[in-house]
Amino acid sequence: MKILILEDDANVCRTLVRRLSRRFPDATFKTTDSATEAINILRNSALEVQFRLIVSDFNVVGAQTGGDVLEWLRRHMSHLVPRFMFHSGNDRAQDLGVHFAVKPCDEREFFEVVQKVLAQ
């Protein structure tokens, strides 16, 4: 399983990778702190095995947000939108029509949302 994580806090990103690795030991990860880079990763992945899970913070490095990544997916790779979830403390992310885990959340709460995404 391929997992993309968009998170600008290095400690949070490491925690997410560690949690997800324990639950999904065969997973491979791409991580970035930039929405622009996330879009480039997604664009380039169109020729490969695509991401099964995309975990995104809302506010990240640069002018673009996790919301911009979601909008790009809706326009260019809509089949991946059900695989997208926010892990954010920004309330705006709750209103964008995808699964959402409030940051900070404990591991149980996080994986409840992950399971909903993977069940789709």
PDB file of N, CA and C in Angstrom:
ATOM      1  N   MET A   1       0.857  -1.173   0.000  1.00  0.00           N
ATOM      2  CA  MET A   1       0.000   0.000   0.000  1.00  0.00           C
ATOM      3  C   MET A   1       0.900   1.232   0.000  1.00  0.00           C
ATOM      4  N   LYS A   2       0.582   2.183  -0.873  1.00  0.00           N
ATOM      5  CA  LYS A   2       1.296   3.456  -0.912  1.00  0.00           C
ATOM      6  C   LYS A   2       0.499   4.509  -0.154  1.00  0.00           C
ATOM      7  N   ILE A   3       1.207   5.261   0.693  1.00  0.00           N
ATOM      8  CA  ILE A   3       0.578   6.297   1.505  1.00  0.00           C
ATOM      9  C   ILE A   3       1.331   7.606   1.298  1.00  0.00           C
ATOM     10  N   LEU A   4       0.574   8.675   1.033  1.00  0.00           N
ATOM     11  CA  LEU A   4       1.140  10.018   0.914  1.00  0.00           C
ATOM     12  C   LEU A   4       0.745  10.804   2.157  1.00  0.00           C
ATOM     13  N   ILE A   5       1.724  11.456   2.778  1.00  0.00           N
ATOM     14  CA  ILE A   5       1.475  12.301   3.940  1.00  0.00           C
ATOM     15  C   ILE A   5       1.950  13.701   3.630  1.00  0.00           C
ATOM     16  N   LEU A   6       1.030  14.650   3.745  1.00  0.00           N
ATOM     17  CA  LEU A   6       1.325  16.080   3.592  1.00  0.00           C
ATOM     18  C   LEU A   6       1.214  16.706   4.976  1.00  0.00           C
ATOM     19  N   GLU A   7       2.362  17.020   5.564  1.00  0.00           N
ATOM     20  CA  GLU A   7       2.407  17.539   6.934  1.00  0.00           C
ATOM     21  C   GLU A   7       3.655  18.395   7.093  1.00  0.00           C
ATOM     22  N   ASP A   8       3.473  19.638   7.575  1.00  0.00           N
ATOM     23  CA  ASP A   8       4.612  20.538   7.697  1.00  0.00           C
ATOM     24  C   ASP A   8       5.346  20.438   9.030  1.00  0.00           C
ATOM     25  N   ASP A   9       4.784  19.782  10.006  1.00  0.00           N
ATOM     26  CA  ASP A   9       5.454  19.590  11.297  1.00  0.00           C
ATOM     27  C   ASP A   9       6.183  18.249  11.247  1.00  0.00           C
ATOM     28  N   ALA A  10       7.517  18.300  11.278  1.00  0.00           N
ATOM     29  CA  ALA A  10       8.320  17.079  11.135  1.00  0.00           C
ATOM     30  C   ALA A  10       8.015  16.055  12.225  1.00  0.00           C
ATOM     31  N   ASN A  11       7.774  16.498  13.446  1.00  0.00           N
ATOM     32  CA  ASN A  11       7.466  15.563  14.531  1.00  0.00           C
ATOM     33  C   ASN A  11       6.131  14.856  14.290  1.00  0.00           C
ATOM     34  N   VAL A  12       5.127  15.604  13.853  1.00  0.00           N
ATOM     35  CA  VAL A  12       3.824  15.003  13.553  1.00  0.00           C
ATOM     36  C   VAL A  12       3.964  14.035  12.383  1.00  0.00           C
ATOM     37  N   CYS A  13       4.719  14.412  11.379  1.00  0.00           N
ATOM     38  CA  CYS A  13       4.919  13.540  10.221  1.00  0.00           C
ATOM     39  C   CYS A  13       5.575  12.218  10.633  1.00  0.00           C
ATOM     40  N   ARG A  14       6.609  12.289  11.454  1.00  0.00           N
ATOM     41  CA  ARG A  14       7.275  11.062  11.933  1.00  0.00           C
ATOM     42  C   ARG A  14       6.303  10.195  12.740  1.00  0.00           C
ATOM     43  N   THR A  15       5.474  10.838  13.567  1.00  0.00           N
ATOM     44  CA  THR A  15       4.492  10.094  14.356  1.00  0.00           C
ATOM     45  C   THR A  15       3.491   9.390  13.452  1.00  0.00           C
ATOM     46  N   LEU A  16       3.019  10.085  12.415  1.00  0.00           N
ATOM     47  CA  LEU A  16       2.069   9.469  11.478  1.00  0.00           C
ATOM     48  C   LEU A  16       2.694   8.277  10.771  1.00  0.00           C
ATOM     49  N   VAL A  17       3.918   8.438  10.295  1.00  0.00           N
ATOM     50  CA  VAL A  17       4.598   7.329   9.611  1.00  0.00           C
ATOM     51  C   VAL A  17       4.776   6.159  10.568  1.00  0.00           C
ATOM     52  N   ARG A  18       5.177   6.421  11.798  1.00  0.00           N
ATOM     53  CA  ARG A  18       5.378   5.362  12.786  1.00  0.00           C
ATOM     54  C   ARG A  18       4.053   4.627  13.068  1.00  0.00           C
ATOM     55  N   ARG A  19       2.976   5.385  13.300  1.00  0.00           N
ATOM     56  CA  ARG A  19       1.671   4.762  13.582  1.00  0.00           C
ATOM     57  C   ARG A  19       1.192   3.923  12.404  1.00  0.00           C
ATOM     58  N   LEU A  20       1.271   4.510  11.226  1.00  0.00           N
ATOM     59  CA  LEU A  20       0.793   3.799  10.037  1.00  0.00           C
ATOM     60  C   LEU A  20       1.668   2.592   9.720  1.00  0.00           C
ATOM     61  N   SER A  21       2.972   2.687   9.958  1.00  0.00           N
ATOM     62  CA  SER A  21       3.875   1.551   9.713  1.00  0.00           C
ATOM     63  C   SER A  21       3.564   0.381  10.624  1.00  0.00           C
ATOM     64  N   ARG A  22       3.209   0.682  11.860  1.00  0.00           N
ATOM     65  CA  ARG A  22       2.845  -0.407  12.792  1.00  0.00           C
ATOM     66  C   ARG A  22       1.577  -1.116  12.329  1.00  0.00           C
ATOM     67  N   ARG A  23       0.619  -0.356  11.843  1.00  0.00           N
ATOM     68  CA  ARG A  23      -0.665  -0.928  11.413  1.00  0.00           C
ATOM     69  C   ARG A  23      -0.551  -1.579  10.033  1.00  0.00           C
ATOM     70  N   PHE A  24       0.266  -1.000   9.174  1.00  0.00           N
ATOM     71  CA  PHE A  24       0.421  -1.480   7.795  1.00  0.00           C
ATOM     72  C   PHE A  24       1.912  -1.675   7.504  1.00  0.00           C
ATOM     73  N   PRO A  25       2.499  -2.781   7.979  1.00  0.00           N
ATOM     74  CA  PRO A  25       3.955  -2.955   7.883  1.00  0.00           C
ATOM     75  C   PRO A  25       4.497  -3.012   6.454  1.00  0.00           C
ATOM     76  N   ASP A  26       3.666  -3.342   5.483  1.00  0.00           N
ATOM     77  CA  ASP A  26       4.129  -3.406   4.096  1.00  0.00           C
ATOM     78  C   ASP A  26       3.948  -2.091   3.350  1.00  0.00           C
ATOM     79  N   ALA A  27       3.463  -1.064   4.025  1.00  0.00           N
ATOM     80  CA  ALA A  27       3.202   0.223   3.362  1.00  0.00           C
ATOM     81  C   ALA A  27       4.504   0.905   2.980  1.00  0.00           C
ATOM     82  N   THR A  28       4.414   1.671   1.892  1.00  0.00           N
ATOM     83  CA  THR A  28       5.507   2.561   1.504  1.00  0.00           C
ATOM     84  C   THR A  28       4.968   3.985   1.593  1.00  0.00           C
ATOM     85  N   PHE A  29       5.851   4.901   1.947  1.00  0.00           N
ATOM     86  CA  PHE A  29       5.435   6.266   2.241  1.00  0.00           C
ATOM     87  C   PHE A  29       6.152   7.273   1.371  1.00  0.00           C
ATOM     88  N   LYS A  30       5.410   8.301   0.997  1.00  0.00           N
ATOM     89  CA  LYS A  30       5.962   9.544   0.448  1.00  0.00           C
ATOM     90  C   LYS A  30       5.498  10.620   1.408  1.00  0.00           C
ATOM     91  N   THR A  31       6.405  11.484   1.820  1.00  0.00           N
ATOM     92  CA  THR A  31       6.040  12.571   2.711  1.00  0.00           C
ATOM     93  C   THR A  31       6.531  13.891   2.134  1.00  0.00           C
ATOM     94  N   THR A  32       5.780  14.941   2.423  1.00  0.00           N
ATOM     95  CA  THR A  32       6.161  16.278   1.999  1.00  0.00           C
ATOM     96  C   THR A  32       5.537  17.290   2.941  1.00  0.00           C
ATOM     97  N   ASP A  33       6.128  18.475   2.981  1.00  0.00           N
ATOM     98  CA  ASP A  33       5.557  19.558   3.788  1.00  0.00           C
ATOM     99  C   ASP A  33       4.933  20.635   2.914  1.00  0.00           C
ATOM    100  N   SER A  34       4.888  20.399   1.607  1.00  0.00           N
ATOM    101  CA  SER A  34       4.439  21.399   0.641  1.00  0.00           C
ATOM    102  C   SER A  34       3.284  20.882  -0.208  1.00  0.00           C
ATOM    103  N   ALA A  35       2.222  21.678  -0.316  1.00  0.00           N
ATOM    104  CA  ALA A  35       1.091  21.300  -1.171  1.00  0.00           C
ATOM    105  C   ALA A  35       1.514  21.228  -2.630  1.00  0.00           C
ATOM    106  N   THR A  36       2.361  22.137  -3.050  1.00  0.00           N
ATOM    107  CA  THR A  36       2.847  22.118  -4.441  1.00  0.00           C
ATOM    108  C   THR A  36       3.579  20.817  -4.736  1.00  0.00           C
ATOM    109  N   GLU A  37       4.438  20.403  -3.820  1.00  0.00           N
ATOM    110  CA  GLU A  37       5.163  19.148  -4.011  1.00  0.00           C
ATOM    111  C   GLU A  37       4.209  17.955  -3.960  1.00  0.00           C
ATOM    112  N   ALA A  38       3.207  18.005  -3.084  1.00  0.00           N
ATOM    113  CA  ALA A  38       2.228  16.920  -3.019  1.00  0.00           C
ATOM    114  C   ALA A  38       1.505  16.762  -4.354  1.00  0.00           C
ATOM    115  N   ILE A  39       1.128  17.872  -4.958  1.00  0.00           N
ATOM    116  CA  ILE A  39       0.471  17.814  -6.265  1.00  0.00           C
ATOM    117  C   ILE A  39       1.403  17.209  -7.303  1.00  0.00           C
ATOM    118  N   ASN A  40       2.673  17.584  -7.272  1.00  0.00           N
ATOM    119  CA  ASN A  40       3.639  16.997  -8.209  1.00  0.00           C
ATOM    120  C   ASN A  40       3.801  15.501  -7.978  1.00  0.00           C
ATOM    121  N   ILE A  41       3.848  15.085  -6.728  1.00  0.00           N
ATOM    122  CA  ILE A  41       3.940  13.651  -6.414  1.00  0.00           C
ATOM    123  C   ILE A  41       2.712  12.922  -6.955  1.00  0.00           C
ATOM    124  N   LEU A  42       1.534  13.476  -6.732  1.00  0.00           N
ATOM    125  CA  LEU A  42       0.306  12.855  -7.219  1.00  0.00           C
ATOM    126  C   LEU A  42       0.282  12.803  -8.745  1.00  0.00           C
ATOM    127  N   ARG A  43       0.665  13.890  -9.380  1.00  0.00           N
ATOM    128  CA  ARG A  43       0.703  13.937 -10.847  1.00  0.00           C
ATOM    129  C   ARG A  43       1.635  12.851 -11.390  1.00  0.00           C
ATOM    130  N   ASN A  44       2.801  12.722 -10.782  1.00  0.00           N
ATOM    131  CA  ASN A  44       3.772  11.725 -11.242  1.00  0.00           C
ATOM    132  C   ASN A  44       3.353  10.302 -10.912  1.00  0.00           C
ATOM    133  N   SER A  45       2.522  10.132  -9.888  1.00  0.00           N
ATOM    134  CA  SER A  45       2.092   8.791  -9.506  1.00  0.00           C
ATOM    135  C   SER A  45       1.049   8.232 -10.465  1.00  0.00           C
ATOM    136  N   ALA A  46       0.518   9.055 -11.337  1.00  0.00           N
ATOM    137  CA  ALA A  46      -0.519   8.591 -12.270  1.00  0.00           C
ATOM    138  C   ALA A  46       0.004   7.462 -13.148  1.00  0.00           C
ATOM    139  N   LEU A  47       1.317   7.386 -13.334  1.00  0.00           N
ATOM    140  CA  LEU A  47       1.906   6.352 -14.169  1.00  0.00           C
ATOM    141  C   LEU A  47       2.314   5.119 -13.374  1.00  0.00           C
ATOM    142  N   GLU A  48       2.173   5.169 -12.050  1.00  0.00           N
ATOM    143  CA  GLU A  48       2.602   4.083 -11.175  1.00  0.00           C
ATOM    144  C   GLU A  48       1.395   3.513 -10.426  1.00  0.00           C
ATOM    145  N   VAL A  49       1.700   2.678  -9.457  1.00  0.00           N
ATOM    146  CA  VAL A  49       0.671   2.236  -8.515  1.00  0.00           C
ATOM    147  C   VAL A  49       0.266   3.458  -7.711  1.00  0.00           C
ATOM    148  N   GLN A  50      -1.015   3.723  -7.637  1.00  0.00           N
ATOM    149  CA  GLN A  50      -1.468   4.967  -7.009  1.00  0.00           C
ATOM    150  C   GLN A  50      -1.636   4.822  -5.504  1.00  0.00           C
ATOM    151  N   PHE A  51      -1.744   5.951  -4.862  1.00  0.00           N
ATOM    152  CA  PHE A  51      -1.842   5.988  -3.410  1.00  0.00           C
ATOM    153  C   PHE A  51      -3.167   5.403  -2.938  1.00  0.00           C
ATOM    154  N   ARG A  52      -3.080   4.590  -1.906  1.00  0.00           N
ATOM    155  CA  ARG A  52      -4.279   4.018  -1.295  1.00  0.00           C
ATOM    156  C   ARG A  52      -4.821   4.926  -0.203  1.00  0.00           C
ATOM    157  N   LEU A  53      -3.938   5.765   0.379  1.00  0.00           N
ATOM    158  CA  LEU A  53      -4.317   6.676   1.447  1.00  0.00           C
ATOM    159  C   LEU A  53      -3.514   7.959   1.305  1.00  0.00           C
ATOM    160  N   ILE A  54      -4.206   9.092   1.431  1.00  0.00           N
ATOM    161  CA  ILE A  54      -3.570  10.408   1.399  1.00  0.00           C
ATOM    162  C   ILE A  54      -4.000  11.126   2.678  1.00  0.00           C
ATOM    163  N   VAL A  55      -3.030  11.426   3.537  1.00  0.00           N
ATOM    164  CA  VAL A  55      -3.289  12.100   4.809  1.00  0.00           C
ATOM    165  C   VAL A  55      -2.699  13.499   4.705  1.00  0.00           C
ATOM    166  N   SER A  56      -3.540  14.518   4.927  1.00  0.00           N
ATOM    167  CA  SER A  56      -3.084  15.886   4.714  1.00  0.00           C
ATOM    168  C   SER A  56      -3.454  16.810   5.860  1.00  0.00           C
ATOM    169  N   ASP A  57      -2.492  17.621   6.260  1.00  0.00           N
ATOM    170  CA  ASP A  57      -2.777  18.759   7.117  1.00  0.00           C
ATOM    171  C   ASP A  57      -3.413  19.818   6.217  1.00  0.00           C
ATOM    172  N   PHE A  58      -4.057  20.816   6.806  1.00  0.00           N
ATOM    173  CA  PHE A  58      -4.629  21.889   5.991  1.00  0.00           C
ATOM    174  C   PHE A  58      -3.587  22.975   5.745  1.00  0.00           C
ATOM    175  N   ASN A  59      -3.025  23.517   6.809  1.00  0.00           N
ATOM    176  CA  ASN A  59      -2.016  24.573   6.686  1.00  0.00           C
ATOM    177  C   ASN A  59      -0.636  23.939   6.598  1.00  0.00           C
ATOM    178  N   VAL A  60       0.035  24.172   5.480  1.00  0.00           N
ATOM    179  CA  VAL A  60       1.362  23.601   5.254  1.00  0.00           C
ATOM    180  C   VAL A  60       2.281  24.683   4.700  1.00  0.00           C
ATOM    181  N   VAL A  61       3.518  24.313   4.407  1.00  0.00           N
ATOM    182  CA  VAL A  61       4.512  25.248   3.891  1.00  0.00           C
ATOM    183  C   VAL A  61       4.077  25.779   2.524  1.00  0.00           C
ATOM    184  N   GLY A  62       4.274  27.076   2.303  1.00  0.00           N
ATOM    185  CA  GLY A  62       3.983  27.679   1.005  1.00  0.00           C
ATOM    186  C   GLY A  62       2.608  28.310   0.952  1.00  0.00           C
ATOM    187  N   ALA A  63       2.300  28.842  -0.211  1.00  0.00           N
ATOM    188  CA  ALA A  63       1.041  29.576  -0.400  1.00  0.00           C
ATOM    189  C   ALA A  63      -0.163  28.651  -0.534  1.00  0.00           C
ATOM    190  N   GLN A  64       0.057  27.429  -0.998  1.00  0.00           N
ATOM    191  CA  GLN A  64      -1.050  26.497  -1.169  1.00  0.00           C
ATOM    192  C   GLN A  64      -1.306  25.721   0.112  1.00  0.00           C
ATOM    193  N   THR A  65      -2.529  25.203   0.239  1.00  0.00           N
ATOM    194  CA  THR A  65      -2.942  24.451   1.424  1.00  0.00           C
ATOM    195  C   THR A  65      -3.304  23.018   1.045  1.00  0.00           C
ATOM    196  N   GLY A  66      -3.584  22.236   2.070  1.00  0.00           N
ATOM    197  CA  GLY A  66      -4.116  20.904   1.815  1.00  0.00           C
ATOM    198  C   GLY A  66      -5.440  20.970   1.069  1.00  0.00           C
ATOM    199  N   GLY A  67      -6.207  22.047   1.293  1.00  0.00           N
ATOM    200  CA  GLY A  67      -7.451  22.250   0.540  1.00  0.00           C
ATOM    201  C   GLY A  67      -7.194  22.407  -0.947  1.00  0.00           C
ATOM    202  N   ASP A  68      -6.082  23.031  -1.302  1.00  0.00           N
ATOM    203  CA  ASP A  68      -5.717  23.164  -2.719  1.00  0.00           C
ATOM    204  C   ASP A  68      -5.378  21.802  -3.324  1.00  0.00           C
ATOM    205  N   VAL A  69      -4.732  20.946  -2.546  1.00  0.00           N
ATOM    206  CA  VAL A  69      -4.429  19.590  -3.026  1.00  0.00           C
ATOM    207  C   VAL A  69      -5.740  18.840  -3.278  1.00  0.00           C
ATOM    208  N   LEU A  70      -6.666  18.950  -2.349  1.00  0.00           N
ATOM    209  CA  LEU A  70      -7.964  18.299  -2.522  1.00  0.00           C
ATOM    210  C   LEU A  70      -8.676  18.810  -3.767  1.00  0.00           C
ATOM    211  N   GLU A  71      -8.681  20.102  -3.981  1.00  0.00           N
ATOM    212  CA  GLU A  71      -9.316  20.663  -5.182  1.00  0.00           C
ATOM    213  C   GLU A  71      -8.627  20.179  -6.455  1.00  0.00           C
ATOM    214  N   TRP A  72      -7.302  20.089  -6.440  1.00  0.00           N
ATOM    215  CA  TRP A  72      -6.572  19.578  -7.599  1.00  0.00           C
ATOM    216  C   TRP A  72      -6.992  18.128  -7.871  1.00  0.00           C
ATOM    217  N   LEU A  73      -7.082  17.332  -6.811  1.00  0.00           N
ATOM    218  CA  LEU A  73      -7.535  15.947  -6.987  1.00  0.00           C
ATOM    219  C   LEU A  73      -8.930  15.895  -7.596  1.00  0.00           C
ATOM    220  N   ARG A  74      -9.820  16.730  -7.121  1.00  0.00           N
ATOM    221  CA  ARG A  74     -11.193  16.725  -7.652  1.00  0.00           C
ATOM    222  C   ARG A  74     -11.208  17.022  -9.142  1.00  0.00           C
ATOM    223  N   ARG A  75     -10.315  17.880  -9.608  1.00  0.00           N
ATOM    224  CA  ARG A  75     -10.285  18.248 -11.029  1.00  0.00           C
ATOM    225  C   ARG A  75      -9.518  17.259 -11.898  1.00  0.00           C
ATOM    226  N   HIS A  76      -8.462  16.655 -11.357  1.00  0.00           N
ATOM    227  CA  HIS A  76      -7.547  15.886 -12.201  1.00  0.00           C
ATOM    228  C   HIS A  76      -7.485  14.387 -11.906  1.00  0.00           C
ATOM    229  N   MET A  77      -7.783  13.993 -10.678  1.00  0.00           N
ATOM    230  CA  MET A  77      -7.697  12.579 -10.297  1.00  0.00           C
ATOM    231  C   MET A  77      -8.827  12.272  -9.313  1.00  0.00           C
ATOM    232  N   SER A  78     -10.044  12.504  -9.740  1.00  0.00           N
ATOM    233  CA  SER A  78     -11.193  12.424  -8.836  1.00  0.00           C
ATOM    234  C   SER A  78     -11.354  11.045  -8.198  1.00  0.00           C
ATOM    235  N   HIS A  79     -10.853  10.017  -8.835  1.00  0.00           N
ATOM    236  CA  HIS A  79     -10.949   8.672  -8.265  1.00  0.00           C
ATOM    237  C   HIS A  79     -10.144   8.550  -6.963  1.00  0.00           C
ATOM    238  N   LEU A  80      -9.214   9.489  -6.701  1.00  0.00           N
ATOM    239  CA  LEU A  80      -8.433   9.449  -5.469  1.00  0.00           C
ATOM    240  C   LEU A  80      -9.064  10.237  -4.319  1.00  0.00           C
ATOM    241  N   VAL A  81     -10.093  11.026  -4.589  1.00  0.00           N
ATOM    242  CA  VAL A  81     -10.721  11.829  -3.530  1.00  0.00           C
ATOM    243  C   VAL A  81     -11.218  10.961  -2.374  1.00  0.00           C
ATOM    244  N   PRO A  82     -11.834   9.798  -2.614  1.00  0.00           N
ATOM    245  CA  PRO A  82     -12.266   8.971  -1.481  1.00  0.00           C
ATOM    246  C   PRO A  82     -11.106   8.463  -0.620  1.00  0.00           C
ATOM    247  N   ARG A  83      -9.885   8.525  -1.132  1.00  0.00           N
ATOM    248  CA  ARG A  83      -8.706   8.058  -0.395  1.00  0.00           C
ATOM    249  C   ARG A  83      -8.040   9.181   0.398  1.00  0.00           C
ATOM    250  N   PHE A  84      -8.606  10.369   0.341  1.00  0.00           N
ATOM    251  CA  PHE A  84      -8.028  11.565   0.958  1.00  0.00           C
ATOM    252  C   PHE A  84      -8.677  11.819   2.309  1.00  0.00           C
ATOM    253  N   MET A  85      -7.858  12.157   3.303  1.00  0.00           N
ATOM    254  CA  MET A  85      -8.375  12.559   4.611  1.00  0.00           C
ATOM    255  C   MET A  85      -7.540  13.714   5.143  1.00  0.00           C
ATOM    256  N   PHE A  86      -8.198  14.582   5.889  1.00  0.00           N
ATOM    257  CA  PHE A  86      -7.483  15.633   6.601  1.00  0.00           C
ATOM    258  C   PHE A  86      -7.156  15.170   8.008  1.00  0.00           C
ATOM    259  N   HIS A  87      -5.980  15.538   8.465  1.00  0.00           N
ATOM    260  CA  HIS A  87      -5.547  15.399   9.855  1.00  0.00           C
ATOM    261  C   HIS A  87      -5.066  16.789  10.225  1.00  0.00           C
ATOM    262  N   SER A  88      -5.966  17.585  10.797  1.00  0.00           N
ATOM    263  CA  SER A  88      -5.687  19.009  10.936  1.00  0.00           C
ATOM    264  C   SER A  88      -6.407  19.600  12.133  1.00  0.00           C
ATOM    265  N   GLY A  89      -5.850  20.688  12.631  1.00  0.00           N
ATOM    266  CA  GLY A  89      -6.512  21.464  13.670  1.00  0.00           C
ATOM    267  C   GLY A  89      -7.291  22.627  13.101  1.00  0.00           C
ATOM    268  N   ASN A  90      -7.282  22.789  11.787  1.00  0.00           N
ATOM    269  CA  ASN A  90      -7.972  23.898  11.131  1.00  0.00           C
ATOM    270  C   ASN A  90      -9.424  23.519  10.863  1.00  0.00           C
ATOM    271  N   ASP A  91     -10.337  24.271  11.432  1.00  0.00           N
ATOM    272  CA  ASP A  91     -11.768  23.977  11.278  1.00  0.00           C
ATOM    273  C   ASP A  91     -12.242  24.032   9.831  1.00  0.00           C
ATOM    274  N   ARG A  92     -11.598  24.837   8.985  1.00  0.00           N
ATOM    275  CA  ARG A  92     -12.034  24.932   7.578  1.00  0.00           C
ATOM    276  C   ARG A  92     -11.959  23.588   6.877  1.00  0.00           C
ATOM    277  N   ALA A  93     -11.039  22.751   7.286  1.00  0.00           N
ATOM    278  CA  ALA A  93     -10.880  21.452   6.639  1.00  0.00           C
ATOM    279  C   ALA A  93     -12.081  20.541   6.879  1.00  0.00           C
ATOM    280  N   GLN A  94     -12.828  20.777   7.947  1.00  0.00           N
ATOM    281  CA  GLN A  94     -13.986  19.936   8.259  1.00  0.00           C
ATOM    282  C   GLN A  94     -15.125  20.130   7.270  1.00  0.00           C
ATOM    283  N   ASP A  95     -15.141  21.237   6.568  1.00  0.00           N
ATOM    284  CA  ASP A  95     -16.255  21.571   5.686  1.00  0.00           C
ATOM    285  C   ASP A  95     -15.998  21.242   4.216  1.00  0.00           C
ATOM    286  N   LEU A  96     -14.970  20.452   3.925  1.00  0.00           N
ATOM    287  CA  LEU A  96     -14.596  20.220   2.532  1.00  0.00           C
ATOM    288  C   LEU A  96     -15.055  18.878   1.978  1.00  0.00           C
ATOM    289  N   GLY A  97     -15.869  18.158   2.751  1.00  0.00           N
ATOM    290  CA  GLY A  97     -16.520  16.967   2.215  1.00  0.00           C
ATOM    291  C   GLY A  97     -15.682  15.712   2.168  1.00  0.00           C
ATOM    292  N   VAL A  98     -14.627  15.633   2.972  1.00  0.00           N
ATOM    293  CA  VAL A  98     -13.831  14.406   3.055  1.00  0.00           C
ATOM    294  C   VAL A  98     -13.682  14.035   4.528  1.00  0.00           C
ATOM    295  N   HIS A  99     -13.159  12.851   4.767  1.00  0.00           N
ATOM    296  CA  HIS A  99     -12.957  12.410   6.151  1.00  0.00           C
ATOM    297  C   HIS A  99     -11.968  13.327   6.849  1.00  0.00           C
ATOM    298  N   PHE A 100     -12.140  13.447   8.170  1.00  0.00           N
ATOM    299  CA  PHE A 100     -11.387  14.434   8.936  1.00  0.00           C
ATOM    300  C   PHE A 100     -11.079  13.889  10.327  1.00  0.00           C
ATOM    301  N   ALA A 101      -9.812  13.977  10.725  1.00  0.00           N
ATOM    302  CA  ALA A 101      -9.391  13.660  12.092  1.00  0.00           C
ATOM    303  C   ALA A 101      -8.851  14.945  12.695  1.00  0.00           C
ATOM    304  N   VAL A 102      -9.435  15.358  13.808  1.00  0.00           N
ATOM    305  CA  VAL A 102      -9.022  16.596  14.464  1.00  0.00           C
ATOM    306  C   VAL A 102      -7.648  16.391  15.084  1.00  0.00           C
ATOM    307  N   LYS A 103      -6.766  17.326  14.834  1.00  0.00           N
ATOM    308  CA  LYS A 103      -5.425  17.282  15.408  1.00  0.00           C
ATOM    309  C   LYS A 103      -5.392  18.216  16.604  1.00  0.00           C
ATOM    310  N   PRO A 104      -4.904  17.789  17.748  1.00  0.00           N
ATOM    311  CA  PRO A 104      -4.349  16.450  17.997  1.00  0.00           C
ATOM    312  C   PRO A 104      -5.453  15.433  18.294  1.00  0.00           C
ATOM    313  N   CYS A 105      -5.191  14.197  17.933  1.00  0.00           N
ATOM    314  CA  CYS A 105      -6.112  13.113  18.273  1.00  0.00           C
ATOM    315  C   CYS A 105      -5.283  11.912  18.689  1.00  0.00           C
ATOM    316  N   ASP A 106      -5.900  11.035  19.457  1.00  0.00           N
ATOM    317  CA  ASP A 106      -5.157   9.846  19.865  1.00  0.00           C
ATOM    318  C   ASP A 106      -5.170   8.828  18.730  1.00  0.00           C
ATOM    319  N   GLU A 107      -4.384   7.795  18.910  1.00  0.00           N
ATOM    320  CA  GLU A 107      -4.212   6.801  17.855  1.00  0.00           C
ATOM    321  C   GLU A 107      -5.527   6.117  17.486  1.00  0.00           C
ATOM    322  N   ARG A 108      -6.356   5.814  18.477  1.00  0.00           N
ATOM    323  CA  ARG A 108      -7.642   5.159  18.209  1.00  0.00           C
ATOM    324  C   ARG A 108      -8.520   6.028  17.326  1.00  0.00           C
ATOM    325  N   GLU A 109      -8.629   7.306  17.655  1.00  0.00           N
ATOM    326  CA  GLU A 109      -9.455   8.227  16.856  1.00  0.00           C
ATOM    327  C   GLU A 109      -8.911   8.348  15.433  1.00  0.00           C
ATOM    328  N   PHE A 110      -7.606   8.450  15.307  1.00  0.00           N
ATOM    329  CA  PHE A 110      -6.986   8.563  13.989  1.00  0.00           C
ATOM    330  C   PHE A 110      -7.316   7.343  13.134  1.00  0.00           C
ATOM    331  N   PHE A 111      -7.154   6.151  13.713  1.00  0.00           N
ATOM    332  CA  PHE A 111      -7.382   4.943  12.921  1.00  0.00           C
ATOM    333  C   PHE A 111      -8.853   4.671  12.650  1.00  0.00           C
ATOM    334  N   GLU A 112      -9.752   5.220  13.436  1.00  0.00           N
ATOM    335  CA  GLU A 112     -11.169   5.125  13.092  1.00  0.00           C
ATOM    336  C   GLU A 112     -11.420   5.839  11.760  1.00  0.00           C
ATOM    337  N   VAL A 113     -10.798   6.991  11.583  1.00  0.00           N
ATOM    338  CA  VAL A 113     -10.956   7.735  10.325  1.00  0.00           C
ATOM    339  C   VAL A 113     -10.239   7.018   9.189  1.00  0.00           C
ATOM    340  N   VAL A 114      -9.033   6.531   9.441  1.00  0.00           N
ATOM    341  CA  VAL A 114      -8.288   5.794   8.415  1.00  0.00           C
ATOM    342  C   VAL A 114      -9.115   4.602   7.933  1.00  0.00           C
ATOM    343  N   GLN A 115      -9.712   3.863   8.847  1.00  0.00           N
ATOM    344  CA  GLN A 115     -10.516   2.699   8.454  1.00  0.00           C
ATOM    345  C   GLN A 115     -11.697   3.085   7.582  1.00  0.00           C
ATOM    346  N   LYS A 116     -12.320   4.224   7.870  1.00  0.00           N
ATOM    347  CA  LYS A 116     -13.433   4.695   7.040  1.00  0.00           C
ATOM    348  C   LYS A 116     -12.948   4.995   5.628  1.00  0.00           C
ATOM    349  N   VAL A 117     -11.776   5.610   5.522  1.00  0.00           N
ATOM    350  CA  VAL A 117     -11.213   5.911   4.191  1.00  0.00           C
ATOM    351  C   VAL A 117     -10.908   4.613   3.453  1.00  0.00           C
ATOM    352  N   LEU A 118     -10.260   3.686   4.124  1.00  0.00           N
ATOM    353  CA  LEU A 118      -9.860   2.442   3.456  1.00  0.00           C
ATOM    354  C   LEU A 118     -11.042   1.554   3.115  1.00  0.00           C
ATOM    355  N   ALA A 119     -12.161   1.734   3.805  1.00  0.00           N
ATOM    356  CA  ALA A 119     -13.354   0.925   3.525  1.00  0.00           C
ATOM    357  C   ALA A 119     -14.051   1.353   2.233  1.00  0.00           C
ATOM    358  N   GLN A 120     -13.700   2.490   1.711  1.00  0.00           N
ATOM    359  CA  GLN A 120     -14.364   2.984   0.491  1.00  0.00           C
ATOM    360  C   GLN A 120     -13.786   2.342  -0.748  1.00  0.00           C
TER     361      GLN A 120
END
